[in-house]
């Protein structure tokens, strides 16, 4: 298994971010870590509505809650830091796995996903 792969994405404030693990013919993705942080590009008020980060090709309704907390310009906030002892395995071989992070007002998202590719077990 080639398990030293990393994909990274950084949004522009006020835009959605899509991060894609590219398809590899006949192989599936084995995700070993997901790290998502956000930096506030401007102050954010209390009561702002959050949303869900979703993923395709991981089965079911795979999602993470992306809450909004009040903060000041430049605040660095951890959304998820998931280090897995057993990888999350993609459901369909040869298909890209895509993470979608919807926009949040005055927020820049940074996503880093560690993964490998191999034949399904």
N, C-alpha and C. Protein backbone atom coordinates (compact mmCIF):
# COMPACT_ATOMS: atom_id res chain seq x y z
N UNK A 1 0.85 -1.19 0.00
CA UNK A 1 0.00 0.00 0.00
C UNK A 1 0.89 1.24 0.00
N UNK A 2 0.53 2.19 -0.82
CA UNK A 2 1.18 3.49 -0.81
C UNK A 2 0.43 4.34 0.21
N UNK A 3 1.00 4.49 1.42
CA UNK A 3 0.27 5.17 2.49
C UNK A 3 0.91 6.47 2.94
N UNK A 4 1.69 7.07 2.09
CA UNK A 4 2.35 8.32 2.45
C UNK A 4 1.81 9.48 1.62
N UNK A 5 0.52 9.49 1.37
CA UNK A 5 -0.09 10.51 0.54
C UNK A 5 -0.79 11.55 1.41
N UNK A 6 -0.75 12.80 0.94
CA UNK A 6 -1.38 13.91 1.65
C UNK A 6 -2.07 14.79 0.63
N UNK A 7 -3.27 15.23 0.96
CA UNK A 7 -3.95 16.24 0.15
C UNK A 7 -4.28 17.39 1.09
N UNK A 8 -4.16 18.62 0.58
CA UNK A 8 -4.35 19.82 1.39
C UNK A 8 -5.19 20.81 0.61
N UNK A 9 -6.00 21.56 1.30
CA UNK A 9 -6.78 22.63 0.67
C UNK A 9 -6.95 23.78 1.63
N UNK A 10 -6.94 24.99 1.08
CA UNK A 10 -7.16 26.21 1.86
C UNK A 10 -8.21 27.05 1.13
N UNK A 11 -9.23 27.47 1.86
CA UNK A 11 -10.29 28.27 1.25
C UNK A 11 -9.94 29.74 1.27
N UNK A 12 -10.70 30.48 0.53
CA UNK A 12 -10.70 31.95 0.59
C UNK A 12 -11.87 32.30 1.50
N UNK A 13 -11.74 33.32 2.29
CA UNK A 13 -12.82 33.70 3.20
C UNK A 13 -14.12 33.88 2.43
N UNK A 14 -15.18 33.24 2.93
CA UNK A 14 -16.49 33.39 2.32
C UNK A 14 -16.74 32.47 1.14
N UNK A 15 -15.91 31.44 0.94
CA UNK A 15 -16.13 30.51 -0.16
C UNK A 15 -16.12 29.07 0.34
N UNK A 16 -16.82 28.21 -0.39
CA UNK A 16 -16.79 26.78 -0.09
C UNK A 16 -15.40 26.25 -0.42
N UNK A 17 -15.05 25.12 0.21
CA UNK A 17 -13.79 24.45 -0.08
C UNK A 17 -14.10 22.99 -0.38
N UNK A 18 -13.55 22.49 -1.50
CA UNK A 18 -13.69 21.09 -1.86
C UNK A 18 -12.29 20.50 -1.95
N UNK A 19 -12.06 19.42 -1.21
CA UNK A 19 -10.76 18.74 -1.21
C UNK A 19 -11.01 17.32 -1.72
N UNK A 20 -10.25 16.93 -2.76
CA UNK A 20 -10.49 15.64 -3.41
C UNK A 20 -9.27 14.74 -3.35
N UNK A 21 -9.50 13.51 -2.90
CA UNK A 21 -8.50 12.46 -2.99
C UNK A 21 -8.71 11.84 -4.37
N UNK A 22 -7.73 11.95 -5.27
CA UNK A 22 -7.96 11.52 -6.65
C UNK A 22 -8.19 10.02 -6.78
N UNK A 23 -9.02 9.67 -7.75
CA UNK A 23 -9.31 8.27 -8.02
C UNK A 23 -8.06 7.57 -8.53
N UNK A 24 -7.91 6.30 -8.14
CA UNK A 24 -6.84 5.43 -8.63
C UNK A 24 -7.52 4.16 -9.12
N UNK A 25 -7.36 3.85 -10.38
CA UNK A 25 -8.05 2.72 -10.99
C UNK A 25 -7.87 1.44 -10.18
N UNK A 26 -8.99 0.82 -9.82
CA UNK A 26 -8.98 -0.46 -9.12
C UNK A 26 -8.59 -0.42 -7.66
N UNK A 27 -8.34 0.78 -7.11
CA UNK A 27 -7.90 0.88 -5.71
C UNK A 27 -8.82 1.80 -4.92
N UNK A 28 -8.79 1.62 -3.58
CA UNK A 28 -9.58 2.46 -2.68
C UNK A 28 -8.66 3.32 -1.82
N UNK A 29 -9.24 4.36 -1.23
CA UNK A 29 -8.51 5.23 -0.31
C UNK A 29 -8.59 4.66 1.10
N UNK A 30 -7.48 4.74 1.84
CA UNK A 30 -7.42 4.37 3.25
C UNK A 30 -7.01 5.65 3.99
N UNK A 31 -7.98 6.32 4.60
CA UNK A 31 -7.73 7.60 5.27
C UNK A 31 -7.24 7.33 6.68
N UNK A 32 -6.08 7.92 7.02
CA UNK A 32 -5.47 7.68 8.33
C UNK A 32 -5.55 8.90 9.26
N UNK A 33 -5.79 10.08 8.70
CA UNK A 33 -5.94 11.28 9.55
C UNK A 33 -6.68 12.36 8.77
N UNK A 34 -7.49 13.12 9.50
CA UNK A 34 -8.20 14.27 8.95
C UNK A 34 -8.00 15.42 9.93
N UNK A 35 -7.41 16.50 9.43
CA UNK A 35 -7.18 17.68 10.27
C UNK A 35 -7.82 18.87 9.57
N UNK A 36 -8.75 19.51 10.25
CA UNK A 36 -9.42 20.69 9.70
C UNK A 36 -9.35 21.80 10.74
N UNK A 37 -8.79 22.93 10.32
CA UNK A 37 -8.71 24.12 11.16
C UNK A 37 -9.34 25.28 10.42
N UNK A 38 -9.68 26.31 11.17
CA UNK A 38 -10.15 27.54 10.54
C UNK A 38 -9.55 28.74 11.25
N UNK A 39 -9.35 29.78 10.48
CA UNK A 39 -8.83 31.05 10.99
C UNK A 39 -9.88 32.11 10.69
N UNK A 40 -10.17 32.94 11.67
CA UNK A 40 -11.16 34.00 11.46
C UNK A 40 -10.52 35.18 10.73
N UNK A 41 -11.11 35.54 9.60
CA UNK A 41 -10.62 36.65 8.79
C UNK A 41 -11.21 37.98 9.24
N UNK A 42 -12.15 37.91 10.17
CA UNK A 42 -12.79 39.08 10.77
C UNK A 42 -13.51 38.59 12.02
N UNK A 43 -13.89 39.48 12.91
CA UNK A 43 -14.62 39.04 14.11
C UNK A 43 -15.91 38.30 13.73
N UNK A 44 -16.26 37.29 14.52
CA UNK A 44 -17.49 36.53 14.31
C UNK A 44 -18.33 36.65 15.58
N UNK A 45 -19.62 36.93 15.40
CA UNK A 45 -20.52 37.15 16.53
C UNK A 45 -21.10 35.83 17.05
N UNK A 46 -21.52 35.83 18.29
CA UNK A 46 -22.20 34.69 18.88
C UNK A 46 -23.52 34.48 18.15
N UNK A 47 -23.94 33.23 18.05
CA UNK A 47 -25.24 32.94 17.44
C UNK A 47 -25.18 32.69 15.95
N UNK A 48 -24.00 32.76 15.34
CA UNK A 48 -23.88 32.46 13.92
C UNK A 48 -24.10 30.97 13.72
N UNK A 49 -24.83 30.60 12.69
CA UNK A 49 -25.21 29.21 12.45
C UNK A 49 -24.04 28.42 11.86
N UNK A 50 -23.84 27.20 12.34
CA UNK A 50 -22.81 26.32 11.81
C UNK A 50 -23.33 25.52 10.63
N UNK A 51 -22.54 24.54 10.19
CA UNK A 51 -22.94 23.69 9.08
C UNK A 51 -22.22 22.34 9.21
N UNK A 52 -22.32 21.52 8.18
CA UNK A 52 -21.72 20.19 8.22
C UNK A 52 -20.70 20.03 7.10
N UNK A 53 -19.56 19.45 7.44
CA UNK A 53 -18.55 19.06 6.47
C UNK A 53 -18.93 17.64 6.05
N UNK A 54 -19.05 17.42 4.75
CA UNK A 54 -19.48 16.11 4.26
C UNK A 54 -18.41 15.46 3.39
N UNK A 55 -18.55 14.16 3.20
CA UNK A 55 -17.61 13.41 2.37
C UNK A 55 -18.36 12.41 1.50
N UNK A 56 -17.86 12.20 0.30
CA UNK A 56 -18.42 11.19 -0.59
C UNK A 56 -17.53 9.95 -0.58
N UNK A 57 -18.07 8.83 -0.99
CA UNK A 57 -17.37 7.56 -1.15
C UNK A 57 -16.90 6.96 0.18
N UNK A 58 -17.48 7.39 1.28
CA UNK A 58 -17.13 6.80 2.57
C UNK A 58 -18.31 6.07 3.20
N UNK A 59 -19.40 5.99 2.49
CA UNK A 59 -20.57 5.25 2.95
C UNK A 59 -21.45 6.06 3.89
N UNK A 60 -22.72 5.78 3.85
CA UNK A 60 -23.67 6.44 4.73
C UNK A 60 -23.67 7.95 4.57
N UNK A 61 -24.05 8.64 5.62
CA UNK A 61 -24.05 10.10 5.64
C UNK A 61 -22.85 10.57 6.44
N UNK A 62 -21.67 10.37 5.89
CA UNK A 62 -20.43 10.70 6.58
C UNK A 62 -20.29 12.22 6.67
N UNK A 63 -20.29 12.75 7.90
CA UNK A 63 -20.20 14.20 8.07
C UNK A 63 -19.62 14.55 9.44
N UNK A 64 -19.13 15.79 9.53
CA UNK A 64 -18.63 16.36 10.78
C UNK A 64 -19.35 17.68 10.99
N UNK A 65 -19.69 17.97 12.23
CA UNK A 65 -20.31 19.25 12.58
C UNK A 65 -19.24 20.33 12.60
N UNK A 66 -19.51 21.44 11.95
CA UNK A 66 -18.60 22.58 11.91
C UNK A 66 -19.30 23.74 12.61
N UNK A 67 -19.12 23.81 13.93
CA UNK A 67 -19.79 24.83 14.73
C UNK A 67 -19.12 26.19 14.56
N UNK A 68 -19.82 27.20 14.95
CA UNK A 68 -19.29 28.56 14.90
C UNK A 68 -19.27 29.10 16.32
N UNK A 69 -18.11 29.58 16.74
CA UNK A 69 -17.98 30.22 18.04
C UNK A 69 -17.56 31.66 17.82
N UNK A 70 -18.01 32.53 18.70
CA UNK A 70 -17.61 33.93 18.60
C UNK A 70 -16.10 34.03 18.72
N UNK A 71 -15.52 34.93 17.96
CA UNK A 71 -14.08 35.07 18.02
C UNK A 71 -13.61 36.36 17.38
N UNK A 72 -12.32 36.59 17.48
CA UNK A 72 -11.70 37.80 16.98
C UNK A 72 -10.87 37.51 15.75
N UNK A 73 -10.54 38.55 15.01
CA UNK A 73 -9.68 38.44 13.84
C UNK A 73 -8.42 37.65 14.17
N UNK A 74 -8.13 36.63 13.36
CA UNK A 74 -6.92 35.85 13.53
C UNK A 74 -7.04 34.65 14.45
N UNK A 75 -8.18 34.48 15.14
CA UNK A 75 -8.33 33.31 16.00
C UNK A 75 -8.19 32.03 15.17
N UNK A 76 -7.40 31.09 15.67
CA UNK A 76 -7.17 29.79 15.02
C UNK A 76 -7.98 28.75 15.78
N UNK A 77 -8.91 28.09 15.10
CA UNK A 77 -9.85 27.19 15.76
C UNK A 77 -9.74 25.79 15.14
N UNK A 78 -9.59 24.78 15.98
CA UNK A 78 -9.56 23.40 15.51
C UNK A 78 -10.99 22.92 15.30
N UNK A 79 -11.29 22.42 14.10
CA UNK A 79 -12.61 21.85 13.82
C UNK A 79 -12.58 20.36 14.11
N UNK A 80 -11.56 19.68 13.60
CA UNK A 80 -11.39 18.25 13.86
C UNK A 80 -9.93 17.89 13.71
N UNK A 81 -9.47 17.04 14.60
CA UNK A 81 -8.12 16.48 14.52
C UNK A 81 -8.28 14.99 14.78
N UNK A 82 -8.54 14.25 13.71
CA UNK A 82 -8.85 12.83 13.80
C UNK A 82 -7.65 12.01 13.35
N UNK A 83 -6.99 11.37 14.32
CA UNK A 83 -5.85 10.49 14.06
C UNK A 83 -6.34 9.06 14.28
N UNK A 84 -6.37 8.26 13.23
CA UNK A 84 -7.03 6.96 13.29
C UNK A 84 -6.06 5.79 13.48
N UNK A 85 -6.37 4.91 14.43
CA UNK A 85 -5.60 3.68 14.61
C UNK A 85 -5.91 2.70 13.47
N UNK A 86 -7.17 2.69 13.03
CA UNK A 86 -7.61 1.90 11.88
C UNK A 86 -8.15 2.88 10.84
N UNK A 87 -7.72 2.77 9.59
CA UNK A 87 -8.14 3.76 8.60
C UNK A 87 -9.62 3.67 8.24
N UNK A 88 -10.14 4.78 7.76
CA UNK A 88 -11.46 4.81 7.15
C UNK A 88 -11.25 4.39 5.70
N UNK A 89 -11.97 3.38 5.25
CA UNK A 89 -11.77 2.84 3.92
C UNK A 89 -12.90 3.31 2.99
N UNK A 90 -12.52 3.82 1.83
CA UNK A 90 -13.50 4.22 0.84
C UNK A 90 -14.34 3.02 0.42
N UNK A 91 -15.57 3.27 0.01
CA UNK A 91 -16.50 2.18 -0.31
C UNK A 91 -16.35 1.66 -1.74
N UNK A 92 -15.94 2.51 -2.68
CA UNK A 92 -15.90 2.11 -4.08
C UNK A 92 -14.51 2.33 -4.65
N UNK A 93 -13.94 1.28 -5.20
CA UNK A 93 -12.61 1.35 -5.82
C UNK A 93 -12.67 2.19 -7.09
N UNK A 94 -11.59 2.91 -7.36
CA UNK A 94 -11.49 3.69 -8.59
C UNK A 94 -12.32 4.95 -8.61
N UNK A 95 -12.81 5.38 -7.46
CA UNK A 95 -13.66 6.57 -7.37
C UNK A 95 -13.01 7.58 -6.42
N UNK A 96 -13.02 8.83 -6.81
CA UNK A 96 -12.46 9.88 -5.95
C UNK A 96 -13.26 9.97 -4.65
N UNK A 97 -12.59 10.41 -3.59
CA UNK A 97 -13.24 10.70 -2.31
C UNK A 97 -13.16 12.21 -2.14
N UNK A 98 -14.30 12.85 -1.92
CA UNK A 98 -14.36 14.31 -1.88
C UNK A 98 -14.91 14.81 -0.55
N UNK A 99 -14.22 15.77 0.04
CA UNK A 99 -14.68 16.44 1.26
C UNK A 99 -15.14 17.85 0.87
N UNK A 100 -16.33 18.25 1.33
CA UNK A 100 -16.87 19.57 1.05
C UNK A 100 -17.05 20.32 2.36
N UNK A 101 -16.40 21.49 2.44
CA UNK A 101 -16.49 22.35 3.61
C UNK A 101 -17.26 23.61 3.18
N UNK A 102 -18.53 23.72 3.58
CA UNK A 102 -19.31 24.89 3.18
C UNK A 102 -18.75 26.18 3.79
N UNK A 103 -19.00 27.26 3.10
CA UNK A 103 -18.53 28.56 3.56
C UNK A 103 -19.10 28.93 4.92
N UNK A 104 -18.30 29.64 5.68
CA UNK A 104 -18.76 30.28 6.91
C UNK A 104 -18.27 31.72 6.83
N UNK A 105 -19.11 32.64 7.25
CA UNK A 105 -18.77 34.06 7.16
C UNK A 105 -17.45 34.36 7.86
N UNK A 106 -16.59 35.12 7.19
CA UNK A 106 -15.33 35.61 7.75
C UNK A 106 -14.40 34.50 8.22
N UNK A 107 -14.42 33.36 7.52
CA UNK A 107 -13.64 32.21 7.95
C UNK A 107 -12.82 31.63 6.80
N UNK A 108 -11.57 31.29 7.08
CA UNK A 108 -10.69 30.61 6.14
C UNK A 108 -10.46 29.21 6.69
N UNK A 109 -10.78 28.18 5.89
CA UNK A 109 -10.59 26.79 6.31
C UNK A 109 -9.31 26.23 5.73
N UNK A 110 -8.65 25.38 6.50
CA UNK A 110 -7.47 24.64 6.06
C UNK A 110 -7.72 23.17 6.35
N UNK A 111 -7.58 22.32 5.31
CA UNK A 111 -7.85 20.89 5.43
C UNK A 111 -6.60 20.12 5.04
N UNK A 112 -6.22 19.14 5.85
CA UNK A 112 -5.12 18.24 5.53
C UNK A 112 -5.62 16.82 5.76
N UNK A 113 -5.51 15.98 4.73
CA UNK A 113 -5.96 14.60 4.83
C UNK A 113 -4.79 13.69 4.48
N UNK A 114 -4.48 12.77 5.38
CA UNK A 114 -3.42 11.78 5.19
C UNK A 114 -4.09 10.49 4.76
N UNK A 115 -3.58 9.86 3.72
CA UNK A 115 -4.23 8.66 3.22
C UNK A 115 -3.25 7.78 2.43
N UNK A 116 -3.73 6.60 2.12
CA UNK A 116 -3.02 5.68 1.26
C UNK A 116 -3.99 5.11 0.24
N UNK A 117 -3.46 4.43 -0.76
CA UNK A 117 -4.30 3.73 -1.74
C UNK A 117 -3.83 2.29 -1.87
N UNK A 118 -4.78 1.39 -2.01
CA UNK A 118 -4.45 -0.03 -2.17
C UNK A 118 -5.71 -0.73 -2.66
N UNK A 119 -5.57 -2.00 -2.94
CA UNK A 119 -6.71 -2.81 -3.32
C UNK A 119 -7.58 -3.02 -2.09
N UNK A 120 -8.89 -3.07 -2.30
CA UNK A 120 -9.82 -3.28 -1.18
C UNK A 120 -9.56 -4.63 -0.53
N UNK A 121 -9.70 -4.68 0.79
CA UNK A 121 -9.51 -5.91 1.55
C UNK A 121 -10.80 -6.68 1.60
